[in-house]
Protein backbone atom coordinates (compact mmCIF):
# COMPACT_ATOMS: atom_id res chain seq x y z
CA UNK A 1 44.68 -43.63 10.36
CA UNK A 2 42.20 -41.78 8.05
CA UNK A 3 42.13 -39.12 10.43
CA UNK A 4 45.93 -38.71 9.67
CA UNK A 5 45.09 -39.41 5.63
CA UNK A 6 42.49 -36.08 6.33
CA UNK A 7 44.86 -33.26 8.30
CA UNK A 8 48.00 -34.58 5.76
CA UNK A 9 46.19 -32.98 2.74
CA UNK A 10 45.90 -35.01 -0.37
CA UNK A 11 49.87 -34.31 -2.81
CA UNK A 12 47.16 -33.39 -5.63
CA UNK A 13 47.74 -30.28 -7.77
CA UNK A 14 43.76 -27.55 -6.96
CA UNK A 15 41.09 -28.65 -9.59
CA UNK A 16 41.07 -25.71 -12.45
CA UNK A 17 38.10 -23.53 -13.12
CA UNK A 18 35.90 -25.15 -16.64
CA UNK A 19 34.39 -22.18 -19.28
CA UNK A 20 34.16 -21.95 -22.40
CA UNK A 21 37.74 -21.50 -25.01
CA UNK A 22 37.92 -18.32 -26.26
CA UNK A 23 37.48 -19.60 -29.78
CA UNK A 24 37.85 -16.92 -32.64
CA UNK A 25 37.06 -13.58 -32.01
CA UNK A 26 34.11 -11.80 -33.37
CA UNK A 27 34.96 -10.00 -37.07
CA UNK A 28 37.26 -11.83 -37.78
CA UNK A 29 37.73 -13.66 -41.23
CA UNK A 30 37.89 -17.17 -41.68
CA UNK A 31 40.16 -18.19 -43.40
CA UNK A 32 40.74 -22.06 -44.25
CA UNK A 33 44.11 -22.88 -43.86
CA UNK A 34 46.49 -24.18 -46.38
CA UNK A 35 46.64 -27.76 -47.22
CA UNK A 36 50.04 -29.58 -48.37
CA UNK A 37 49.44 -32.81 -50.68
CA UNK A 38 50.99 -35.80 -48.50
CA UNK A 39 54.16 -36.90 -49.72
CA UNK A 40 54.56 -40.81 -49.71
CA UNK A 41 57.68 -42.89 -48.39
CA UNK A 42 58.57 -45.25 -51.97
CA UNK A 43 58.40 -48.78 -50.92
CA UNK A 44 62.24 -50.30 -50.36
CA UNK A 45 62.99 -53.62 -52.61
CA UNK A 46 63.95 -56.23 -50.36
CA UNK A 47 67.74 -56.60 -50.10
CA UNK A 48 69.37 -59.76 -52.25
CA UNK A 49 71.55 -61.91 -50.75
CA UNK A 50 74.76 -62.86 -52.33
CA UNK A 51 75.02 -66.38 -53.71
CA UNK A 52 76.92 -68.82 -51.36
CA UNK A 53 79.62 -71.10 -53.15
CA UNK A 54 79.27 -74.48 -51.60
């Protein structure tokens, strides 16, 4: 059975080459990105149950 599996191969994709990512290009001025203030949701109050008549 091992010989059959060896001859068929694997359905997995071949590994991609490893290396360093390009990153910042040389000579490009680095500018910090704009930070916006955090927007928080208002807390909702629990709904009151209507009074039940007996």
